[in-house]
């Protein structure tokens, strides 16, 4: 797993330059497909190199970002079941960086019933449009950066289950 010290360095680098290089543990791979809909875009990081030391990849955020929420989620847990109205730049779109692990990401437009589910392997960037309720189920322990501050979502987070009961 990536050391917390490395994550702090990564966050500082992102805040200063919009770009970053991520060094991952040995054996990590990126997915080779890019999913893009009007609701969600999943973009794997760009693989720069891989050897016995591990993997190096880079990515670019679509906006300047200076605050992040550090998240570790354990295997088998479920998070989310929320959507955002996009009241701030930090929630329009909502961006997560999946730095390690593997998740099942489910989502749907708030006004619709059809649920889309994707399996996402780190490292990848997940961009979520406003009014898209989303859920993360962790398959392998996951390390994420949420690209916003707590204050950005305090007044822009509405609870709604992805799966309609």
N, C-alpha and C. Protein backbone atom coordinates (compact mmCIF):
# COMPACT_ATOMS: atom_id res chain seq x y z
N UNK A 1 0.84 -1.17 0.00
CA UNK A 1 0.00 0.00 0.00
C UNK A 1 0.88 1.24 0.00
N UNK A 2 0.41 2.29 -0.58
CA UNK A 2 1.17 3.54 -0.69
C UNK A 2 1.32 4.14 0.71
N UNK A 3 2.50 4.60 1.03
CA UNK A 3 2.74 5.22 2.33
C UNK A 3 2.02 6.55 2.41
N UNK A 4 1.53 6.89 3.61
CA UNK A 4 0.82 8.15 3.81
C UNK A 4 1.72 9.32 3.44
N UNK A 5 3.00 9.23 3.75
CA UNK A 5 3.94 10.31 3.40
C UNK A 5 3.93 10.57 1.90
N UNK A 6 3.91 9.51 1.11
CA UNK A 6 3.88 9.66 -0.35
C UNK A 6 2.59 10.34 -0.80
N UNK A 7 1.48 10.02 -0.16
CA UNK A 7 0.20 10.64 -0.51
C UNK A 7 0.25 12.13 -0.21
N UNK A 8 0.82 12.52 0.91
CA UNK A 8 0.95 13.94 1.25
C UNK A 8 1.77 14.65 0.18
N UNK A 9 2.87 14.05 -0.23
CA UNK A 9 3.68 14.63 -1.30
C UNK A 9 2.88 14.74 -2.58
N UNK A 10 2.09 13.72 -2.90
CA UNK A 10 1.26 13.72 -4.10
C UNK A 10 0.23 14.85 -4.05
N UNK A 11 -0.45 14.99 -2.94
CA UNK A 11 -1.45 16.03 -2.80
C UNK A 11 -0.82 17.41 -2.97
N UNK A 12 0.33 17.63 -2.36
CA UNK A 12 1.01 18.92 -2.51
C UNK A 12 1.38 19.18 -3.97
N UNK A 13 1.84 18.16 -4.65
CA UNK A 13 2.21 18.31 -6.04
C UNK A 13 1.00 18.64 -6.91
N UNK A 14 -0.11 17.95 -6.68
CA UNK A 14 -1.34 18.22 -7.43
C UNK A 14 -1.76 19.67 -7.24
N UNK A 15 -1.78 20.11 -6.01
CA UNK A 15 -2.24 21.47 -5.71
C UNK A 15 -1.38 22.52 -6.39
N UNK A 16 -0.11 22.25 -6.56
CA UNK A 16 0.80 23.24 -7.15
C UNK A 16 0.77 23.24 -8.67
N UNK A 17 0.53 22.10 -9.30
CA UNK A 17 0.77 22.06 -10.74
C UNK A 17 -0.32 21.42 -11.59
N UNK A 18 -1.39 20.92 -10.99
CA UNK A 18 -2.45 20.20 -11.70
C UNK A 18 -2.00 18.83 -12.20
N UNK A 19 -0.73 18.58 -12.27
CA UNK A 19 -0.22 17.31 -12.78
C UNK A 19 0.50 16.58 -11.66
N UNK A 20 0.61 15.26 -11.80
CA UNK A 20 1.30 14.50 -10.77
C UNK A 20 1.86 13.21 -11.35
N UNK A 21 2.82 12.66 -10.66
CA UNK A 21 3.33 11.34 -10.98
C UNK A 21 3.04 10.47 -9.78
N UNK A 22 2.50 9.29 -10.02
CA UNK A 22 2.11 8.40 -8.94
C UNK A 22 2.96 7.15 -9.02
N UNK A 23 3.59 6.78 -7.91
CA UNK A 23 4.40 5.57 -7.84
C UNK A 23 3.60 4.55 -7.03
N UNK A 24 3.34 3.42 -7.63
CA UNK A 24 2.52 2.39 -7.01
C UNK A 24 3.35 1.17 -6.69
N UNK A 25 2.83 0.34 -5.80
CA UNK A 25 3.51 -0.90 -5.45
C UNK A 25 3.57 -1.86 -6.62
N UNK A 26 4.47 -2.80 -6.52
CA UNK A 26 4.64 -3.79 -7.59
C UNK A 26 3.35 -4.55 -7.82
N UNK A 27 3.11 -4.90 -9.05
CA UNK A 27 1.95 -5.73 -9.38
C UNK A 27 0.70 -4.94 -9.72
N UNK A 28 0.69 -3.62 -9.58
CA UNK A 28 -0.48 -2.82 -9.92
C UNK A 28 -0.56 -2.64 -11.43
N UNK A 29 -1.74 -2.67 -11.95
CA UNK A 29 -1.97 -2.48 -13.39
C UNK A 29 -3.08 -1.47 -13.59
N UNK A 30 -3.07 -0.82 -14.74
CA UNK A 30 -4.16 0.09 -15.05
C UNK A 30 -5.12 -0.58 -16.03
N UNK A 31 -6.38 -0.16 -15.98
CA UNK A 31 -7.31 -0.67 -16.97
C UNK A 31 -7.03 0.05 -18.28
N UNK A 32 -7.31 -0.58 -19.37
CA UNK A 32 -6.95 0.00 -20.66
C UNK A 32 -8.12 0.69 -21.35
N UNK A 33 -9.29 0.70 -20.71
CA UNK A 33 -10.43 1.33 -21.35
C UNK A 33 -10.79 2.63 -20.65
N UNK A 34 -11.37 3.54 -21.39
CA UNK A 34 -11.89 4.79 -20.84
C UNK A 34 -13.39 4.75 -21.00
N UNK A 35 -14.11 4.91 -19.91
CA UNK A 35 -15.55 4.95 -19.95
C UNK A 35 -15.97 6.40 -19.93
N UNK A 36 -16.81 6.80 -20.87
CA UNK A 36 -17.25 8.18 -20.90
C UNK A 36 -18.73 8.21 -21.24
N UNK A 37 -19.52 8.74 -20.35
CA UNK A 37 -20.92 9.00 -20.62
C UNK A 37 -21.17 10.43 -20.21
N UNK A 38 -22.37 10.90 -20.41
CA UNK A 38 -22.69 12.24 -19.95
C UNK A 38 -22.76 12.30 -18.43
N UNK A 39 -22.84 11.14 -17.78
CA UNK A 39 -22.99 11.09 -16.34
C UNK A 39 -21.67 10.89 -15.60
N UNK A 40 -20.86 9.95 -16.08
CA UNK A 40 -19.62 9.57 -15.40
C UNK A 40 -18.53 9.35 -16.44
N UNK A 41 -17.32 9.79 -16.10
CA UNK A 41 -16.15 9.52 -16.93
C UNK A 41 -15.10 8.86 -16.04
N UNK A 42 -14.62 7.69 -16.48
CA UNK A 42 -13.54 6.99 -15.77
C UNK A 42 -12.33 7.02 -16.68
N UNK A 43 -11.24 7.60 -16.18
CA UNK A 43 -10.02 7.73 -16.97
C UNK A 43 -8.86 7.07 -16.23
N UNK A 44 -8.33 5.97 -16.77
CA UNK A 44 -7.14 5.38 -16.15
C UNK A 44 -5.97 6.36 -16.23
N UNK A 45 -5.08 6.28 -15.26
CA UNK A 45 -3.86 7.08 -15.32
C UNK A 45 -3.02 6.59 -16.49
N UNK A 46 -2.13 7.44 -16.98
CA UNK A 46 -1.22 7.08 -18.07
C UNK A 46 -0.03 6.31 -17.52
N UNK A 47 0.15 5.10 -17.99
CA UNK A 47 1.28 4.27 -17.56
C UNK A 47 2.56 4.81 -18.17
N UNK A 48 3.51 5.16 -17.33
CA UNK A 48 4.81 5.66 -17.78
C UNK A 48 5.82 4.52 -17.82
N UNK A 49 5.82 3.71 -16.77
CA UNK A 49 6.77 2.61 -16.72
C UNK A 49 6.45 1.65 -15.60
N UNK A 50 7.02 0.46 -15.72
CA UNK A 50 6.82 -0.57 -14.71
C UNK A 50 8.05 -1.46 -14.68
N UNK A 51 8.54 -1.72 -13.48
CA UNK A 51 9.67 -2.64 -13.32
C UNK A 51 9.57 -3.28 -11.95
N UNK A 52 10.66 -3.88 -11.50
CA UNK A 52 10.64 -4.61 -10.22
C UNK A 52 10.35 -3.71 -9.02
N UNK A 53 10.54 -2.41 -9.16
CA UNK A 53 10.26 -1.47 -8.06
C UNK A 53 8.78 -1.13 -7.95
N UNK A 54 8.05 -1.28 -9.06
CA UNK A 54 6.63 -0.94 -9.07
C UNK A 54 6.24 -0.26 -10.36
N UNK A 55 5.25 0.61 -10.28
CA UNK A 55 4.67 1.26 -11.45
C UNK A 55 4.70 2.76 -11.28
N UNK A 56 4.93 3.47 -12.39
CA UNK A 56 4.86 4.93 -12.41
C UNK A 56 3.81 5.33 -13.43
N UNK A 57 2.89 6.20 -13.01
CA UNK A 57 1.83 6.67 -13.91
C UNK A 57 1.59 8.15 -13.65
N UNK A 58 1.02 8.84 -14.65
CA UNK A 58 0.68 10.24 -14.44
C UNK A 58 -0.76 10.50 -14.84
N UNK A 59 -1.26 11.68 -14.43
CA UNK A 59 -2.62 12.08 -14.74
C UNK A 59 -2.70 13.60 -14.62
N UNK A 60 -3.77 14.17 -15.15
CA UNK A 60 -4.02 15.60 -15.02
C UNK A 60 -5.44 15.81 -14.54
N UNK A 61 -5.62 16.69 -13.57
CA UNK A 61 -6.95 17.06 -13.13
C UNK A 61 -7.54 18.07 -14.12
N UNK A 62 -8.85 18.05 -14.32
CA UNK A 62 -9.45 18.98 -15.26
C UNK A 62 -9.64 20.40 -14.71
N UNK A 63 -9.24 20.63 -13.46
CA UNK A 63 -9.36 21.96 -12.85
C UNK A 63 -8.29 22.12 -11.78
N UNK A 64 -8.06 23.36 -11.38
CA UNK A 64 -7.15 23.64 -10.26
C UNK A 64 -7.82 23.14 -8.98
N UNK A 65 -7.06 22.45 -8.17
CA UNK A 65 -7.62 21.87 -6.95
C UNK A 65 -6.60 22.01 -5.84
N UNK A 66 -7.01 22.60 -4.71
CA UNK A 66 -6.04 22.77 -3.63
C UNK A 66 -6.45 22.09 -2.32
N UNK A 67 -7.63 21.46 -2.27
CA UNK A 67 -8.03 20.73 -1.08
C UNK A 67 -8.54 19.35 -1.47
N UNK A 68 -8.23 18.37 -0.61
CA UNK A 68 -8.59 16.98 -0.88
C UNK A 68 -9.04 16.32 0.41
N UNK A 69 -9.83 15.28 0.27
CA UNK A 69 -10.19 14.43 1.40
C UNK A 69 -9.53 13.08 1.17
N UNK A 70 -8.77 12.62 2.14
CA UNK A 70 -8.04 11.35 2.09
C UNK A 70 -8.97 10.26 2.60
N UNK A 71 -9.16 9.19 1.83
CA UNK A 71 -10.12 8.14 2.18
C UNK A 71 -9.47 6.77 2.04
N UNK A 72 -9.61 5.94 3.05
CA UNK A 72 -9.24 4.52 2.97
C UNK A 72 -10.53 3.74 3.24
N UNK A 73 -10.88 2.84 2.33
CA UNK A 73 -12.07 2.02 2.51
C UNK A 73 -11.66 0.55 2.50
N UNK A 74 -12.22 -0.20 3.46
CA UNK A 74 -11.91 -1.61 3.60
C UNK A 74 -12.74 -2.48 2.67
N UNK A 75 -12.17 -3.63 2.31
CA UNK A 75 -12.83 -4.60 1.45
C UNK A 75 -14.22 -4.93 2.02
N UNK A 76 -15.21 -4.95 1.12
CA UNK A 76 -16.57 -5.32 1.52
C UNK A 76 -17.44 -4.16 1.98
N UNK A 77 -16.86 -2.96 2.12
CA UNK A 77 -17.66 -1.82 2.58
C UNK A 77 -18.33 -1.12 1.40
N UNK A 78 -19.40 -0.39 1.72
CA UNK A 78 -20.15 0.38 0.72
C UNK A 78 -20.21 1.82 1.20
N UNK A 79 -19.92 2.75 0.30
CA UNK A 79 -19.96 4.18 0.61
C UNK A 79 -20.76 4.89 -0.48
N UNK A 80 -21.18 6.08 -0.15
CA UNK A 80 -21.85 6.90 -1.15
C UNK A 80 -23.34 6.92 -0.96
N UNK A 81 -24.06 6.52 -2.02
CA UNK A 81 -25.50 6.68 -2.08
C UNK A 81 -25.87 8.13 -1.85
N UNK A 82 -25.15 9.00 -2.56
CA UNK A 82 -25.38 10.44 -2.51
C UNK A 82 -25.25 11.01 -3.92
N UNK A 83 -25.77 12.22 -4.07
CA UNK A 83 -25.51 12.99 -5.28
C UNK A 83 -25.28 14.43 -4.89
N UNK A 84 -24.81 15.21 -5.84
CA UNK A 84 -24.48 16.62 -5.62
C UNK A 84 -25.15 17.44 -6.71
N UNK A 85 -25.51 18.66 -6.35
CA UNK A 85 -26.17 19.54 -7.31
C UNK A 85 -25.18 20.38 -8.10
N UNK A 86 -23.91 20.31 -7.74
CA UNK A 86 -22.89 21.07 -8.45
C UNK A 86 -22.88 22.54 -8.05
N UNK A 87 -23.15 22.80 -6.77
CA UNK A 87 -23.23 24.18 -6.27
C UNK A 87 -21.87 24.87 -6.22
N UNK A 88 -20.80 24.10 -6.20
CA UNK A 88 -19.45 24.69 -6.19
C UNK A 88 -18.63 24.07 -7.32
N UNK A 89 -17.54 24.72 -7.66
CA UNK A 89 -16.66 24.19 -8.70
C UNK A 89 -16.14 22.80 -8.32
N UNK A 90 -16.00 22.56 -7.02
CA UNK A 90 -15.45 21.29 -6.55
C UNK A 90 -16.44 20.13 -6.66
N UNK A 91 -17.72 20.43 -6.92
CA UNK A 91 -18.69 19.35 -7.09
C UNK A 91 -19.31 19.35 -8.49
N UNK A 92 -18.68 20.06 -9.41
CA UNK A 92 -19.20 20.13 -10.78
C UNK A 92 -18.04 20.08 -11.78
N UNK A 93 -17.53 18.88 -12.10
CA UNK A 93 -17.98 17.57 -11.64
C UNK A 93 -17.32 17.20 -10.30
N UNK A 94 -17.90 16.21 -9.65
CA UNK A 94 -17.30 15.60 -8.47
C UNK A 94 -16.20 14.69 -8.97
N UNK A 95 -15.00 14.76 -8.35
CA UNK A 95 -13.87 13.96 -8.83
C UNK A 95 -13.28 13.14 -7.69
N UNK A 96 -13.07 11.86 -7.96
CA UNK A 96 -12.36 10.97 -7.06
C UNK A 96 -11.13 10.44 -7.80
N UNK A 97 -10.03 10.31 -7.09
CA UNK A 97 -8.85 9.62 -7.61
C UNK A 97 -8.74 8.29 -6.87
N UNK A 98 -8.90 7.20 -7.58
CA UNK A 98 -8.72 5.87 -7.01
C UNK A 98 -7.24 5.54 -7.15
N UNK A 99 -6.51 5.61 -6.04
CA UNK A 99 -5.06 5.45 -6.07
C UNK A 99 -4.61 4.01 -5.89
N UNK A 100 -5.38 3.23 -5.15
CA UNK A 100 -5.08 1.80 -5.03
C UNK A 100 -6.38 1.07 -4.76
N UNK A 101 -6.38 -0.22 -5.12
CA UNK A 101 -7.55 -1.05 -4.87
C UNK A 101 -8.42 -1.24 -6.09
N UNK A 102 -9.57 -1.84 -5.84
CA UNK A 102 -10.53 -2.16 -6.90
C UNK A 102 -11.93 -1.97 -6.33
N UNK A 103 -12.79 -1.32 -7.11
CA UNK A 103 -14.14 -1.01 -6.64
C UNK A 103 -15.19 -1.39 -7.68
N UNK A 104 -16.41 -1.56 -7.21
CA UNK A 104 -17.57 -1.61 -8.08
C UNK A 104 -18.25 -0.26 -7.92
N UNK A 105 -18.35 0.49 -9.00
CA UNK A 105 -18.92 1.83 -8.99
C UNK A 105 -20.28 1.77 -9.68
N UNK A 106 -21.34 2.08 -8.92
CA UNK A 106 -22.70 2.05 -9.46
C UNK A 106 -23.26 3.46 -9.44
N UNK A 107 -24.04 3.79 -10.47
CA UNK A 107 -24.59 5.14 -10.53
C UNK A 107 -25.83 5.18 -11.43
N UNK A 108 -26.61 6.25 -11.24
CA UNK A 108 -27.75 6.52 -12.10
C UNK A 108 -28.10 7.99 -11.99
N UNK A 109 -28.73 8.51 -13.01
CA UNK A 109 -29.24 9.87 -12.98
C UNK A 109 -30.40 9.90 -11.99
N UNK A 110 -30.49 10.96 -11.20
CA UNK A 110 -31.49 11.03 -10.14
C UNK A 110 -32.90 10.83 -10.67
N UNK A 111 -33.23 11.33 -11.81
CA UNK A 111 -34.58 11.25 -12.35
C UNK A 111 -34.89 9.93 -13.08
N UNK A 112 -33.93 9.03 -13.11
CA UNK A 112 -34.10 7.78 -13.85
C UNK A 112 -33.95 6.56 -12.95
N UNK A 113 -34.33 5.39 -13.47
CA UNK A 113 -34.26 4.14 -12.70
C UNK A 113 -33.11 3.24 -13.13
N UNK A 114 -32.59 3.43 -14.35
CA UNK A 114 -31.54 2.56 -14.88
C UNK A 114 -30.22 2.78 -14.17
N UNK A 115 -29.68 1.71 -13.59
CA UNK A 115 -28.40 1.75 -12.87
C UNK A 115 -27.30 1.20 -13.76
N UNK A 116 -26.18 1.90 -13.80
CA UNK A 116 -24.99 1.43 -14.51
C UNK A 116 -23.95 1.03 -13.46
N UNK A 117 -23.30 -0.09 -13.69
CA UNK A 117 -22.29 -0.59 -12.75
C UNK A 117 -21.01 -0.88 -13.52
N UNK A 118 -19.89 -0.40 -12.97
CA UNK A 118 -18.58 -0.63 -13.59
C UNK A 118 -17.61 -1.10 -12.51
N UNK A 119 -16.71 -2.01 -12.89
CA UNK A 119 -15.61 -2.39 -12.02
C UNK A 119 -14.42 -1.53 -12.42
N UNK A 120 -13.82 -0.86 -11.43
CA UNK A 120 -12.72 0.05 -11.71
C UNK A 120 -11.50 -0.38 -10.89
N UNK A 121 -10.38 -0.54 -11.57
CA UNK A 121 -9.10 -0.90 -10.96
C UNK A 121 -8.23 0.35 -10.89
N UNK A 122 -7.57 0.57 -9.78
CA UNK A 122 -6.66 1.71 -9.62
C UNK A 122 -5.45 1.53 -10.52
N UNK A 123 -4.83 2.60 -10.92
CA UNK A 123 -5.17 3.99 -10.64
C UNK A 123 -6.09 4.56 -11.71
N UNK A 124 -7.08 5.35 -11.27
CA UNK A 124 -8.02 5.94 -12.21
C UNK A 124 -8.65 7.19 -11.60
N UNK A 125 -9.10 8.08 -12.48
CA UNK A 125 -9.84 9.27 -12.07
C UNK A 125 -11.31 9.04 -12.44
N UNK A 126 -12.21 9.34 -11.50
CA UNK A 126 -13.64 9.17 -11.71
C UNK A 126 -14.29 10.55 -11.59
N UNK A 127 -14.91 11.01 -12.67
CA UNK A 127 -15.59 12.31 -12.67
C UNK A 127 -17.10 12.04 -12.74
N UNK A 128 -17.85 12.69 -11.85
CA UNK A 128 -19.29 12.44 -11.74
C UNK A 128 -20.03 13.76 -11.92
N UNK A 129 -20.94 13.79 -12.89
CA UNK A 129 -21.73 14.99 -13.16
C UNK A 129 -22.72 15.25 -12.02
N UNK A 130 -23.19 16.50 -11.89
CA UNK A 130 -24.24 16.79 -10.90
C UNK A 130 -25.49 15.95 -11.17
N UNK A 131 -26.25 15.70 -10.12
CA UNK A 131 -27.50 14.95 -10.16
C UNK A 131 -27.33 13.50 -10.61
N UNK A 132 -26.17 12.93 -10.26
CA UNK A 132 -25.92 11.51 -10.50
C UNK A 132 -25.65 10.87 -9.15
N UNK A 133 -26.58 10.05 -8.68
CA UNK A 133 -26.37 9.38 -7.41
C UNK A 133 -25.39 8.23 -7.64
N UNK A 134 -24.46 8.06 -6.70
CA UNK A 134 -23.37 7.11 -6.92
C UNK A 134 -23.05 6.34 -5.65
N UNK A 135 -22.49 5.15 -5.86
CA UNK A 135 -22.15 4.25 -4.75
C UNK A 135 -20.85 3.53 -5.08
N UNK A 136 -20.02 3.33 -4.07
CA UNK A 136 -18.76 2.60 -4.21
C UNK A 136 -18.81 1.37 -3.31
N UNK A 137 -18.63 0.19 -3.91
CA UNK A 137 -18.48 -1.05 -3.16
C UNK A 137 -17.03 -1.50 -3.34
N UNK A 138 -16.34 -1.72 -2.24
CA UNK A 138 -14.91 -2.00 -2.30
C UNK A 138 -14.67 -3.51 -2.43
N UNK A 139 -13.97 -3.88 -3.51
CA UNK A 139 -13.61 -5.27 -3.77
C UNK A 139 -12.24 -5.58 -3.14
N UNK A 140 -11.28 -4.67 -3.31
CA UNK A 140 -9.95 -4.76 -2.68
C UNK A 140 -9.74 -3.45 -1.93
N UNK A 141 -9.19 -3.51 -0.71
CA UNK A 141 -9.01 -2.27 0.06
C UNK A 141 -8.59 -1.12 -0.86
N UNK A 142 -9.25 0.01 -0.70
CA UNK A 142 -9.06 1.13 -1.63
C UNK A 142 -8.57 2.38 -0.93
N UNK A 143 -7.70 3.09 -1.62
CA UNK A 143 -7.20 4.39 -1.20
C UNK A 143 -7.66 5.40 -2.24
N UNK A 144 -8.40 6.42 -1.79
CA UNK A 144 -8.95 7.43 -2.69
C UNK A 144 -8.62 8.82 -2.19
N UNK A 145 -8.56 9.74 -3.13
CA UNK A 145 -8.56 11.17 -2.82
C UNK A 145 -9.84 11.74 -3.41
N UNK A 146 -10.61 12.39 -2.57
CA UNK A 146 -11.81 13.09 -3.02
C UNK A 146 -11.37 14.53 -3.29
N UNK A 147 -11.59 15.02 -4.49
CA UNK A 147 -11.05 16.31 -4.92
C UNK A 147 -11.98 17.46 -4.54
N UNK A 148 -12.11 17.68 -3.26
CA UNK A 148 -12.88 18.78 -2.70
C UNK A 148 -12.61 18.85 -1.21
N UNK A 149 -13.07 19.91 -0.59
CA UNK A 149 -12.99 20.05 0.86
C UNK A 149 -14.32 19.63 1.47
N UNK A 150 -14.32 19.32 2.74
CA UNK A 150 -15.57 19.00 3.44
C UNK A 150 -16.57 20.15 3.27
N UNK A 151 -16.10 21.38 3.35
CA UNK A 151 -17.00 22.53 3.22
C UNK A 151 -17.68 22.59 1.85
N UNK A 152 -17.06 22.03 0.81
CA UNK A 152 -17.66 22.02 -0.52
C UNK A 152 -18.90 21.13 -0.59
N UNK A 153 -18.93 20.09 0.24
CA UNK A 153 -20.04 19.14 0.15
C UNK A 153 -21.05 19.25 1.30
N UNK A 154 -20.74 20.05 2.32
CA UNK A 154 -21.66 20.15 3.45
C UNK A 154 -23.05 20.61 3.03
N UNK A 155 -23.14 21.54 2.11
CA UNK A 155 -24.43 22.04 1.65
C UNK A 155 -24.77 21.56 0.24
N UNK A 156 -24.05 20.55 -0.21
CA UNK A 156 -24.27 20.04 -1.56
C UNK A 156 -24.11 18.53 -1.59
N UNK A 157 -24.81 17.86 -0.67
CA UNK A 157 -24.77 16.40 -0.62
C UNK A 157 -26.16 15.93 -0.23
N UNK A 158 -26.79 15.21 -1.14
CA UNK A 158 -28.13 14.72 -0.91
C UNK A 158 -28.07 13.20 -0.90
N UNK A 159 -28.62 12.59 0.14
CA UNK A 159 -28.62 11.13 0.24
C UNK A 159 -29.73 10.55 -0.63
N UNK A 160 -29.35 9.62 -1.49
CA UNK A 160 -30.32 8.88 -2.30
C UNK A 160 -29.67 7.59 -2.74
N UNK A 161 -30.30 6.45 -2.43
CA UNK A 161 -29.76 5.17 -2.82
C UNK A 161 -29.68 5.04 -4.33
N UNK A 162 -28.60 4.43 -4.79
CA UNK A 162 -28.46 4.14 -6.21
C UNK A 162 -29.52 3.13 -6.62
N UNK A 163 -29.61 2.05 -5.86
CA UNK A 163 -30.61 1.02 -6.14
C UNK A 163 -31.95 1.51 -5.62
N UNK A 164 -32.94 1.55 -6.49
CA UNK A 164 -34.28 1.97 -6.09
C UNK A 164 -34.97 0.80 -5.44
N UNK A 165 -35.39 1.00 -4.20
CA UNK A 165 -36.01 -0.09 -3.43
C UNK A 165 -37.48 -0.26 -3.74
